[in-house]
């Protein structure tokens, strides 16, 4: 996910087939904490949307995880 400027928002959908639990994102505690703000903190599977707001310039990797060890990275770049 690449932003064009700070204080802009993009969204992405996290999904996992046949999964009805929480899909959590780590923006508050991971290496993206000072670069982006993501809401909500979790969505309920099998799919849900997250809104990502660019706060500061930088690059990081946001992770979305389930409750049984699965995790997917999302590269984020803010100029």
PDB file of N, CA and C in Angstrom:
ATOM      1  N   UNK A   1       0.847  -1.155   0.000  1.00  0.00           N
ATOM      2  CA  UNK A   1       0.000   0.000   0.000  1.00  0.00           C
ATOM      3  C   UNK A   1       0.902   1.229   0.000  1.00  0.00           C
ATOM      4  N   UNK A   2       0.750   2.066  -1.009  1.00  0.00           N
ATOM      5  CA  UNK A   2       1.572   3.256  -1.124  1.00  0.00           C
ATOM      6  C   UNK A   2       0.681   4.492  -1.103  1.00  0.00           C
ATOM      7  N   UNK A   3       1.014   5.414  -0.228  1.00  0.00           N
ATOM      8  CA  UNK A   3       0.263   6.661  -0.100  1.00  0.00           C
ATOM      9  C   UNK A   3       0.913   7.741  -0.955  1.00  0.00           C
ATOM     10  N   UNK A   4       0.131   8.759  -1.298  1.00  0.00           N
ATOM     11  CA  UNK A   4       0.663   9.894  -2.045  1.00  0.00           C
ATOM     12  C   UNK A   4       1.059  11.037  -1.118  1.00  0.00           C
ATOM     13  N   UNK A   5       0.511  11.044   0.108  1.00  0.00           N
ATOM     14  CA  UNK A   5       0.790  12.117   1.060  1.00  0.00           C
ATOM     15  C   UNK A   5       0.330  11.690   2.451  1.00  0.00           C
ATOM     16  N   UNK A   6       0.793  12.415   3.455  1.00  0.00           N
ATOM     17  CA  UNK A   6       0.307  12.158   4.819  1.00  0.00           C
ATOM     18  C   UNK A   6      -1.121  12.682   4.950  1.00  0.00           C
ATOM     19  N   UNK A   7      -1.783  12.228   5.998  1.00  0.00           N
ATOM     20  CA  UNK A   7      -3.161  12.600   6.316  1.00  0.00           C
ATOM     21  C   UNK A   7      -4.160  12.219   5.235  1.00  0.00           C
ATOM     22  N   UNK A   8      -3.832  11.192   4.470  1.00  0.00           N
ATOM     23  CA  UNK A   8      -4.766  10.610   3.513  1.00  0.00           C
ATOM     24  C   UNK A   8      -5.096   9.203   3.998  1.00  0.00           C
ATOM     25  N   UNK A   9      -6.224   8.671   3.560  1.00  0.00           N
ATOM     26  CA  UNK A   9      -6.700   7.371   4.030  1.00  0.00           C
ATOM     27  C   UNK A   9      -6.963   6.443   2.862  1.00  0.00           C
ATOM     28  N   UNK A  10      -6.556   5.198   3.039  1.00  0.00           N
ATOM     29  CA  UNK A  10      -6.865   4.125   2.093  1.00  0.00           C
ATOM     30  C   UNK A  10      -7.446   2.972   2.900  1.00  0.00           C
ATOM     31  N   UNK A  11      -8.082   2.043   2.216  1.00  0.00           N
ATOM     32  CA  UNK A  11      -8.626   0.876   2.918  1.00  0.00           C
ATOM     33  C   UNK A  11      -8.147  -0.411   2.264  1.00  0.00           C
ATOM     34  N   UNK A  12      -8.221  -1.485   3.047  1.00  0.00           N
ATOM     35  CA  UNK A  12      -7.950  -2.809   2.503  1.00  0.00           C
ATOM     36  C   UNK A  12      -8.873  -3.803   3.191  1.00  0.00           C
ATOM     37  N   UNK A  13      -9.108  -4.916   2.526  1.00  0.00           N
ATOM     38  CA  UNK A  13      -9.959  -5.974   3.056  1.00  0.00           C
ATOM     39  C   UNK A  13      -9.086  -7.153   3.456  1.00  0.00           C
ATOM     40  N   UNK A  14      -9.281  -7.625   4.686  1.00  0.00           N
ATOM     41  CA  UNK A  14      -8.629  -8.841   5.158  1.00  0.00           C
ATOM     42  C   UNK A  14      -9.669  -9.948   5.132  1.00  0.00           C
ATOM     43  N   UNK A  15      -9.256 -11.133   4.688  1.00  0.00           N
ATOM     44  CA  UNK A  15     -10.218 -12.238   4.637  1.00  0.00           C
ATOM     45  C   UNK A  15      -9.532 -13.575   4.861  1.00  0.00           C
ATOM     46  N   UNK A  16     -10.300 -14.497   5.386  1.00  0.00           N
ATOM     47  CA  UNK A  16      -9.861 -15.879   5.555  1.00  0.00           C
ATOM     48  C   UNK A  16     -11.095 -16.756   5.406  1.00  0.00           C
ATOM     49  N   UNK A  17     -11.104 -17.569   4.370  1.00  0.00           N
ATOM     50  CA  UNK A  17     -12.259 -18.427   4.083  1.00  0.00           C
ATOM     51  C   UNK A  17     -12.560 -19.351   5.258  1.00  0.00           C
ATOM     52  N   UNK A  18     -13.823 -19.552   5.526  1.00  0.00           N
ATOM     53  CA  UNK A  18     -14.303 -20.478   6.557  1.00  0.00           C
ATOM     54  C   UNK A  18     -13.798 -20.143   7.958  1.00  0.00           C
ATOM     55  N   UNK A  19     -13.559 -18.867   8.228  1.00  0.00           N
ATOM     56  CA  UNK A  19     -13.056 -18.429   9.535  1.00  0.00           C
ATOM     57  C   UNK A  19     -13.997 -17.359  10.079  1.00  0.00           C
ATOM     58  N   UNK A  20     -14.496 -17.564  11.289  1.00  0.00           N
ATOM     59  CA  UNK A  20     -15.452 -16.627  11.880  1.00  0.00           C
ATOM     60  C   UNK A  20     -14.886 -15.915  13.103  1.00  0.00           C
ATOM     61  N   UNK A  21     -13.572 -15.990  13.310  1.00  0.00           N
ATOM     62  CA  UNK A  21     -12.950 -15.341  14.459  1.00  0.00           C
ATOM     63  C   UNK A  21     -12.421 -13.964  14.116  1.00  0.00           C
ATOM     64  N   UNK A  22     -11.651 -13.414  15.057  1.00  0.00           N
ATOM     65  CA  UNK A  22     -11.088 -12.076  14.879  1.00  0.00           C
ATOM     66  C   UNK A  22      -9.878 -12.088  13.956  1.00  0.00           C
ATOM     67  N   UNK A  23      -9.826 -11.092  13.096  1.00  0.00           N
ATOM     68  CA  UNK A  23      -8.647 -10.801  12.269  1.00  0.00           C
ATOM     69  C   UNK A  23      -8.071  -9.509  12.838  1.00  0.00           C
ATOM     70  N   UNK A  24      -6.924  -9.603  13.500  1.00  0.00           N
ATOM     71  CA  UNK A  24      -6.321  -8.494  14.225  1.00  0.00           C
ATOM     72  C   UNK A  24      -5.228  -7.822  13.400  1.00  0.00           C
ATOM     73  N   UNK A  25      -5.085  -6.505  13.543  1.00  0.00           N
ATOM     74  CA  UNK A  25      -3.987  -5.781  12.904  1.00  0.00           C
ATOM     75  C   UNK A  25      -3.097  -5.192  13.996  1.00  0.00           C
ATOM     76  N   UNK A  26      -1.803  -5.074  13.702  1.00  0.00           N
ATOM     77  CA  UNK A  26      -0.823  -4.702  14.732  1.00  0.00           C
ATOM     78  C   UNK A  26      -0.277  -3.274  14.611  1.00  0.00           C
ATOM     79  N   UNK A  27      -1.049  -2.351  14.055  1.00  0.00           N
ATOM     80  CA  UNK A  27      -0.522  -1.000  13.825  1.00  0.00           C
ATOM     81  C   UNK A  27      -0.151  -0.267  15.106  1.00  0.00           C
ATOM     82  N   UNK A  28      -0.821  -0.539  16.209  1.00  0.00           N
ATOM     83  CA  UNK A  28      -0.541   0.172  17.461  1.00  0.00           C
ATOM     84  C   UNK A  28       0.728  -0.329  18.136  1.00  0.00           C
ATOM     85  N   UNK A  29       1.127  -1.569  17.861  1.00  0.00           N
ATOM     86  CA  UNK A  29       2.282  -2.152  18.546  1.00  0.00           C
ATOM     87  C   UNK A  29       3.415  -2.543  17.613  1.00  0.00           C
ATOM     88  N   UNK A  30       3.170  -2.628  16.320  1.00  0.00           N
ATOM     89  CA  UNK A  30       4.193  -3.047  15.364  1.00  0.00           C
ATOM     90  C   UNK A  30       5.047  -1.885  14.897  1.00  0.00           C
ATOM     91  N   UNK A  31       5.822  -2.126  13.851  1.00  0.00           N
ATOM     92  CA  UNK A  31       6.736  -1.091  13.366  1.00  0.00           C
ATOM     93  C   UNK A  31       6.031   0.014  12.585  1.00  0.00           C
ATOM     94  N   UNK A  32       4.717  -0.074  12.414  1.00  0.00           N
ATOM     95  CA  UNK A  32       3.955   0.974  11.729  1.00  0.00           C
ATOM     96  C   UNK A  32       3.365   2.014  12.689  1.00  0.00           C
ATOM     97  N   UNK A  33       3.591   1.868  13.979  1.00  0.00           N
ATOM     98  CA  UNK A  33       2.907   2.687  14.984  1.00  0.00           C
ATOM     99  C   UNK A  33       3.037   4.188  14.759  1.00  0.00           C
ATOM    100  N   UNK A  34       4.188   4.677  14.347  1.00  0.00           N
ATOM    101  CA  UNK A  34       4.376   6.117  14.157  1.00  0.00           C
ATOM    102  C   UNK A  34       4.111   6.556  12.722  1.00  0.00           C
ATOM    103  N   UNK A  35       3.839   5.598  11.837  1.00  0.00           N
ATOM    104  CA  UNK A  35       3.706   5.911  10.412  1.00  0.00           C
ATOM    105  C   UNK A  35       2.246   5.950   9.960  1.00  0.00           C
ATOM    106  N   UNK A  36       1.428   5.007  10.439  1.00  0.00           N
ATOM    107  CA  UNK A  36       0.010   4.968  10.067  1.00  0.00           C
ATOM    108  C   UNK A  36      -0.856   4.678  11.293  1.00  0.00           C
ATOM    109  N   UNK A  37      -2.115   5.050  11.178  1.00  0.00           N
ATOM    110  CA  UNK A  37      -3.137   4.671  12.158  1.00  0.00           C
ATOM    111  C   UNK A  37      -4.141   3.800  11.419  1.00  0.00           C
ATOM    112  N   UNK A  38      -4.524   2.679  12.024  1.00  0.00           N
ATOM    113  CA  UNK A  38      -5.441   1.747  11.376  1.00  0.00           C
ATOM    114  C   UNK A  38      -6.645   1.525  12.275  1.00  0.00           C
ATOM    115  N   UNK A  39      -7.835   1.565  11.690  1.00  0.00           N
ATOM    116  CA  UNK A  39      -9.065   1.275  12.415  1.00  0.00           C
ATOM    117  C   UNK A  39      -9.915   0.327  11.589  1.00  0.00           C
ATOM    118  N   UNK A  40     -10.701  -0.516  12.216  1.00  0.00           N
ATOM    119  CA  UNK A  40     -10.742  -0.794  13.647  1.00  0.00           C
ATOM    120  C   UNK A  40      -9.561  -1.674  14.054  1.00  0.00           C
ATOM    121  N   UNK A  41      -9.399  -1.971  15.357  1.00  0.00           N
ATOM    122  CA  UNK A  41      -8.291  -2.832  15.788  1.00  0.00           C
ATOM    123  C   UNK A  41      -8.432  -4.276  15.296  1.00  0.00           C
ATOM    124  N   UNK A  42      -9.674  -4.708  15.064  1.00  0.00           N
ATOM    125  CA  UNK A  42      -9.905  -6.052  14.523  1.00  0.00           C
ATOM    126  C   UNK A  42     -11.232  -6.061  13.780  1.00  0.00           C
ATOM    127  N   UNK A  43     -11.381  -7.038  12.894  1.00  0.00           N
ATOM    128  CA  UNK A  43     -12.643  -7.307  12.217  1.00  0.00           C
ATOM    129  C   UNK A  43     -12.967  -8.779  12.440  1.00  0.00           C
ATOM    130  N   UNK A  44     -14.217  -9.134  12.265  1.00  0.00           N
ATOM    131  CA  UNK A  44     -14.633 -10.522  12.427  1.00  0.00           C
ATOM    132  C   UNK A  44     -14.708 -11.186  11.061  1.00  0.00           C
ATOM    133  N   UNK A  45     -14.016 -12.350  10.943  1.00  0.00           N
ATOM    134  CA  UNK A  45     -13.992 -13.077   9.688  1.00  0.00           C
ATOM    135  C   UNK A  45     -15.360 -13.594   9.316  1.00  0.00           C
ATOM    136  N   UNK A  46     -15.536 -14.012   8.091  1.00  0.00           N
ATOM    137  CA  UNK A  46     -14.462 -14.338   7.159  1.00  0.00           C
ATOM    138  C   UNK A  46     -13.818 -13.145   6.458  1.00  0.00           C
ATOM    139  N   UNK A  47     -14.392 -11.923   6.537  1.00  0.00           N
ATOM    140  CA  UNK A  47     -13.770 -10.781   5.870  1.00  0.00           C
ATOM    141  C   UNK A  47     -14.198  -9.479   6.526  1.00  0.00           C
ATOM    142  N   UNK A  48     -13.331  -8.485   6.424  1.00  0.00           N
ATOM    143  CA  UNK A  48     -13.658  -7.162   6.941  1.00  0.00           C
ATOM    144  C   UNK A  48     -12.693  -6.124   6.416  1.00  0.00           C
ATOM    145  N   UNK A  49     -13.117  -4.868   6.497  1.00  0.00           N
ATOM    146  CA  UNK A  49     -12.325  -3.759   5.961  1.00  0.00           C
ATOM    147  C   UNK A  49     -11.615  -2.986   7.062  1.00  0.00           C
ATOM    148  N   UNK A  50     -10.373  -2.591   6.790  1.00  0.00           N
ATOM    149  CA  UNK A  50      -9.587  -1.729   7.658  1.00  0.00           C
ATOM    150  C   UNK A  50      -9.332  -0.412   6.930  1.00  0.00           C
ATOM    151  N   UNK A  51      -9.366   0.706   7.660  1.00  0.00           N
ATOM    152  CA  UNK A  51      -9.013   2.018   7.114  1.00  0.00           C
ATOM    153  C   UNK A  51      -7.634   2.393   7.640  1.00  0.00           C
ATOM    154  N   UNK A  52      -6.753   2.798   6.738  1.00  0.00           N
ATOM    155  CA  UNK A  52      -5.365   3.131   7.072  1.00  0.00           C
ATOM    156  C   UNK A  52      -5.132   4.599   6.759  1.00  0.00           C
ATOM    157  N   UNK A  53      -4.722   5.379   7.773  1.00  0.00           N
ATOM    158  CA  UNK A  53      -4.445   6.799   7.598  1.00  0.00           C
ATOM    159  C   UNK A  53      -2.955   7.044   7.761  1.00  0.00           C
ATOM    160  N   UNK A  54      -2.362   7.690   6.775  1.00  0.00           N
ATOM    161  CA  UNK A  54      -0.930   8.000   6.806  1.00  0.00           C
ATOM    162  C   UNK A  54      -0.681   9.148   7.780  1.00  0.00           C
ATOM    163  N   UNK A  55       0.259   8.943   8.714  1.00  0.00           N
ATOM    164  CA  UNK A  55       0.581   9.956   9.719  1.00  0.00           C
ATOM    165  C   UNK A  55       1.924  10.633   9.483  1.00  0.00           C
ATOM    166  N   UNK A  56       2.906   9.873   9.012  1.00  0.00           N
ATOM    167  CA  UNK A  56       4.264  10.390   8.847  1.00  0.00           C
ATOM    168  C   UNK A  56       4.974   9.617   7.748  1.00  0.00           C
ATOM    169  N   UNK A  57       6.012  10.213   7.199  1.00  0.00           N
ATOM    170  CA  UNK A  57       6.794   9.550   6.154  1.00  0.00           C
ATOM    171  C   UNK A  57       7.520   8.332   6.707  1.00  0.00           C
ATOM    172  N   UNK A  58       7.586   7.286   5.886  1.00  0.00           N
ATOM    173  CA  UNK A  58       8.322   6.093   6.267  1.00  0.00           C
ATOM    174  C   UNK A  58       7.764   4.863   5.597  1.00  0.00           C
ATOM    175  N   UNK A  59       8.420   3.752   5.849  1.00  0.00           N
ATOM    176  CA  UNK A  59       7.981   2.448   5.339  1.00  0.00           C
ATOM    177  C   UNK A  59       7.920   1.470   6.493  1.00  0.00           C
ATOM    178  N   UNK A  60       6.956   0.566   6.434  1.00  0.00           N
ATOM    179  CA  UNK A  60       6.806  -0.422   7.492  1.00  0.00           C
ATOM    180  C   UNK A  60       6.004  -1.601   6.957  1.00  0.00           C
ATOM    181  N   UNK A  61       5.854  -2.614   7.783  1.00  0.00           N
ATOM    182  CA  UNK A  61       5.036  -3.767   7.421  1.00  0.00           C
ATOM    183  C   UNK A  61       3.962  -3.958   8.477  1.00  0.00           C
ATOM    184  N   UNK A  62       2.727  -3.861   8.046  1.00  0.00           N
ATOM    185  CA  UNK A  62       1.561  -4.092   8.886  1.00  0.00           C
ATOM    186  C   UNK A  62       1.231  -5.580   8.806  1.00  0.00           C
ATOM    187  N   UNK A  63       0.837  -6.179   9.925  1.00  0.00           N
ATOM    188  CA  UNK A  63       0.473  -7.599   9.930  1.00  0.00           C
ATOM    189  C   UNK A  63      -0.975  -7.780  10.366  1.00  0.00           C
ATOM    190  N   UNK A  64      -1.678  -8.654   9.674  1.00  0.00           N
ATOM    191  CA  UNK A  64      -3.027  -9.055  10.052  1.00  0.00           C
ATOM    192  C   UNK A  64      -2.949 -10.527  10.413  1.00  0.00           C
ATOM    193  N   UNK A  65      -3.466 -10.866  11.603  1.00  0.00           N
ATOM    194  CA  UNK A  65      -3.334 -12.244  12.085  1.00  0.00           C
ATOM    195  C   UNK A  65      -4.660 -12.786  12.594  1.00  0.00           C
ATOM    196  N   UNK A  66      -4.748 -14.121  12.618  1.00  0.00           N
ATOM    197  CA  UNK A  66      -5.914 -14.798  13.170  1.00  0.00           C
ATOM    198  C   UNK A  66      -5.552 -15.372  14.538  1.00  0.00           C
ATOM    199  N   UNK A  67      -6.439 -16.166  15.116  1.00  0.00           N
ATOM    200  CA  UNK A  67      -6.189 -16.693  16.465  1.00  0.00           C
ATOM    201  C   UNK A  67      -5.524 -18.073  16.474  1.00  0.00           C
ATOM    202  N   UNK A  68      -5.082 -18.553  15.328  1.00  0.00           N
ATOM    203  CA  UNK A  68      -4.446 -19.867  15.296  1.00  0.00           C
ATOM    204  C   UNK A  68      -3.107 -19.848  14.534  1.00  0.00           C
ATOM    205  N   UNK A  69      -2.399 -18.718  14.641  1.00  0.00           N
ATOM    206  CA  UNK A  69      -1.038 -18.657  14.121  1.00  0.00           C
ATOM    207  C   UNK A  69      -0.875 -18.149  12.704  1.00  0.00           C
ATOM    208  N   UNK A  70      -1.957 -17.867  12.016  1.00  0.00           N
ATOM    209  CA  UNK A  70      -1.852 -17.349  10.658  1.00  0.00           C
ATOM    210  C   UNK A  70      -1.602 -15.854  10.664  1.00  0.00           C
ATOM    211  N   UNK A  71      -0.794 -15.376   9.739  1.00  0.00           N
ATOM    212  CA  UNK A  71      -0.491 -13.959   9.643  1.00  0.00           C
ATOM    213  C   UNK A  71      -0.133 -13.611   8.204  1.00  0.00           C
ATOM    214  N   UNK A  72      -0.567 -12.417   7.777  1.00  0.00           N
ATOM    215  CA  UNK A  72      -0.235 -11.928   6.436  1.00  0.00           C
ATOM    216  C   UNK A  72       0.327 -10.517   6.545  1.00  0.00           C
ATOM    217  N   UNK A  73       1.433 -10.238   5.847  1.00  0.00           N
ATOM    218  CA  UNK A  73       2.029  -8.904   5.879  1.00  0.00           C
ATOM    219  C   UNK A  73       1.424  -7.983   4.803  1.00  0.00           C
ATOM    220  N   UNK A  74       1.471  -6.687   5.097  1.00  0.00           N
ATOM    221  CA  UNK A  74       1.075  -5.676   4.127  1.00  0.00           C
ATOM    222  C   UNK A  74       2.119  -4.570   4.193  1.00  0.00           C
ATOM    223  N   UNK A  75       2.884  -4.417   3.120  1.00  0.00           N
ATOM    224  CA  UNK A  75       3.904  -3.371   3.052  1.00  0.00           C
ATOM    225  C   UNK A  75       3.228  -2.017   2.899  1.00  0.00           C
ATOM    226  N   UNK A  76       3.699  -1.034   3.671  1.00  0.00           N
ATOM    227  CA  UNK A  76       3.131   0.321   3.662  1.00  0.00           C
ATOM    228  C   UNK A  76       4.259   1.319   3.426  1.00  0.00           C
ATOM    229  N   UNK A  77       4.025   2.262   2.514  1.00  0.00           N
ATOM    230  CA  UNK A  77       4.999   3.324   2.250  1.00  0.00           C
ATOM    231  C   UNK A  77       4.279   4.663   2.223  1.00  0.00           C
ATOM    232  N   UNK A  78       4.814   5.612   2.996  1.00  0.00           N
ATOM    233  CA  UNK A  78       4.303   6.973   3.025  1.00  0.00           C
ATOM    234  C   UNK A  78       5.468   7.900   2.651  1.00  0.00           C
ATOM    235  N   UNK A  79       5.309   8.700   1.586  1.00  0.00           N
ATOM    236  CA  UNK A  79       6.429   9.551   1.149  1.00  0.00           C
ATOM    237  C   UNK A  79       6.689  10.724   2.111  1.00  0.00           C
TER     238      UNK A  79
END
